[in-house]
Amino acid sequence: MSFTDAVREMLTALGANRWFRIAVAAVLSLVVGTASLITYRATSQIDALMKGVPELIRDVNLKQNNPVAKQLAEKGTLDYGGLVLGNEAFAARFQGLFNEEGKLEQIGVVTATLVGTKVPDWLPRSFVDAPLLPLGLGAIALAVINFAAFSGLAVPLVGVVLGSAALWGIARAFGRIDLSVSLAAIPALLLAFALLIRALLMLLDRASPVFAVAGGVVREAMRLRIAVVFAAVAIVTIPLLPQWIDPSSPLRYQVQTFLSRSLDAMYLVCALLTVFFACATVAFEIRDRQAWMTLTKPVSRLSWLTGKWLGLVILNAAILSVCTLAMIAFLAQMRARPSIDMYDRAAVREEVLVARAGGSPVYRELPPAEIEAAVKELIAADPNARADIEEGRRTELEVQKPLARVVYEGYLNEQRAIGPGEEESYTFTGLGAARELGAMLTLKYKFYAGESDPHALYPVIFILGDTPDARWVDKQFVAAQTNVISVPASAIKPDGTLVIRIANLRYNAKAPEGMPSFVPGDSSLGFDPDGLELLYKVDDFGPNLLRAQIVNLLKLSFVAMLAVTLSSFLSFPVACLVVFTIFAAGSLAPYLATSIDQYRIRTDSGFLKAVESVIRGIATGTEFSVRAFGEARASGPLVEGRLVSWEVVVRTFALIGVAWSGLL
């Protein structure tokens, strides 16, 4: 017997030993339980501060010489329950947060800044936002440890613990603290994937042809190491992503970059696994006539195809689950990085790791009678249009339609253009829920001004409300780039409407006596139809992430069904090519729609016009057939902090998960 075989036999015997499994489970459970309780104690103390500090500072007034307000403005500190929160470095910041009436604004920012000085360095930011998270993660870890120990994986569990500790120690020895956490997490995540697959196989162990075929697919993927290799690519990539993100950039951009790359990595890995393995497991079984042996048993063709599809869906669900767990874990590491300022950290909490709904302003409508009158004036002033109507080359309706569109769009463009010294009001509706919630809203704007020089700053003033005492904000923006300002919920009227006035003015706080403080801007400014949007929180990041991953899994389930179906009558390479083509067309459907809208052949040749019509018809048909797949977007809205609603999930399930897959 070789040395390797002897070691393998010894480890197998050790893993089968009952007392060894009990000892492993007991020791690791004690360590995890103790760490969870210590962490929960720290998070509960921080949570008590986060709830109590706002109540203490909500009604303070600096002009009334309130002691708490004076302490914040002069010392940058706050006495709370025997603790001194903050430090003198915050005094200058806090002074600027008191308005003209002496009231403190942005209470959430002040609270986070004060309490942040009492957060231990070892405590992840995600635990601060969710005090019960340590207990939840501890319970999951205990379940994983005991399941691994008593399901025959006690030795691999010990090996993973020792391997993770070794990787952590090596990276720490070289001073790479962040890298040590990333390297230590990789073996643990790989073990979590193996445990999840084993648990899913136990659930598939049922007396059903569909479940039997699905279990065979999962076992085949693990035996051939296909699923292991693809899963390992994503599991290794996600923990290492923070090492490739520039820590000097704004924190919100770092977090968004991490989320985007993590979601893209896991989705792409699952898509590639689905296409290759789905086509292989069906096409090769038919080619080698293994399917004949299966179908001679009491297994129908429908059960066989459904089982193949179900096995692929289970593999994708396992990979997405473990990768999502890794993403959440290292999101905590990303959030703990230094921010540019307290507003940058607040943006991560209030604009990225949330689920926000958005709304555009309600523009004034041009009455039909005025549109008709304007169109008649344009026709009367255009001799070519009149000649076309009189000579029968075009009907009057054909002439009126494009002119009516020009008149209508011109009227809307006028509302989105503000000349120097001018002011325009924009009304947002349906904000009753945001007013009751009381959280800060975010106004996103993308303006164009003058030549839109990216190196120049252009002035603008926002008046948040239509009352004489409305708060106003003086800003300088970079043209053709997205900018944001915060809007307090108190500016919303009781009927749920909010009027925001935008003035093309420049404010000079140091204007000489007798000279105006407000002067017209240097050039006109304007914006596109989607250049002004108001966003407000409607849900938390966790539920939003769950809905987004359900949408991604539903899209992958359709790809699996497409691959299984096509490979049942096509060879492996042809099936892969067709599935890839349809998948790429569906993913690029939004961009294809834009290309079709812009596609033109500038020529008077009738032949080339016919060619254009044929190309447009093929592209339009392709885009229409896969439009629903491209519109079922989840990762993009999640990264932008936008709501992925249950309506989107249900629509994706009904159209892609049921109708499309069922039709195949």
Foldseek 3Di string as FASTA:
>chain_A
DDPVVVVVVVLLVLLPDPVSLVVQLVVVLVVLVVVLVVLLVLLVVLVVLLVPQCVVQQPDFVVVVGVQLCCCQQFVWGDDPNDIFGGNVRNPVQVVQQDPRRHGPPSNLSSCRRSVVVRDLVHFPVCNVPSCVSVVVSVVVSVLSSLCSPVSNSSVVVVLQVQLVVQLVVCVVVVNNLVSVLSSVLSVLLSLLVSLLVVVLVVLPDPDLLSVLLSVLSVVCVVVCVLVVLLSQLSSCLSCVLVVADLVDALLVSLLVSLLVSVVSLLVSLLVSLLQSLLCVQLVCVVVVVVVVVCVPPADPVSNLSSSLNNSLSSSVSSVVSSVVSSVVCSSVSLSRDGPDSVSNVCCVFWAQFAKAKDFFDDDFDDPVVLVVQLVVVCVVDVVNVVCCVVVVDPPVVSSVVSSVVVRVVVVQVQQKAWWQGKHKTKDADQQVQLVVFDKKKKKAAKAWDPLPQVDWWWKKKFWADDPPTDMDIDTDRHRDIDMDIHTSVQADNRGMIMMMMGQWHAAPPDDPPDDRIGTIPTMMGGDSPRIMMMGGDGGNVVLVVLLVLLSSLLSSLLNLQLNVVSNPDHSVVSSVVSVVLVVLLQCLVVLVVCLVVDDDPDPDPVVVVVNVVVSVVSVVSSVVNVLSNVLHRSVSSSRSHGPDVVSSVVSCVVRVPVSSVVD
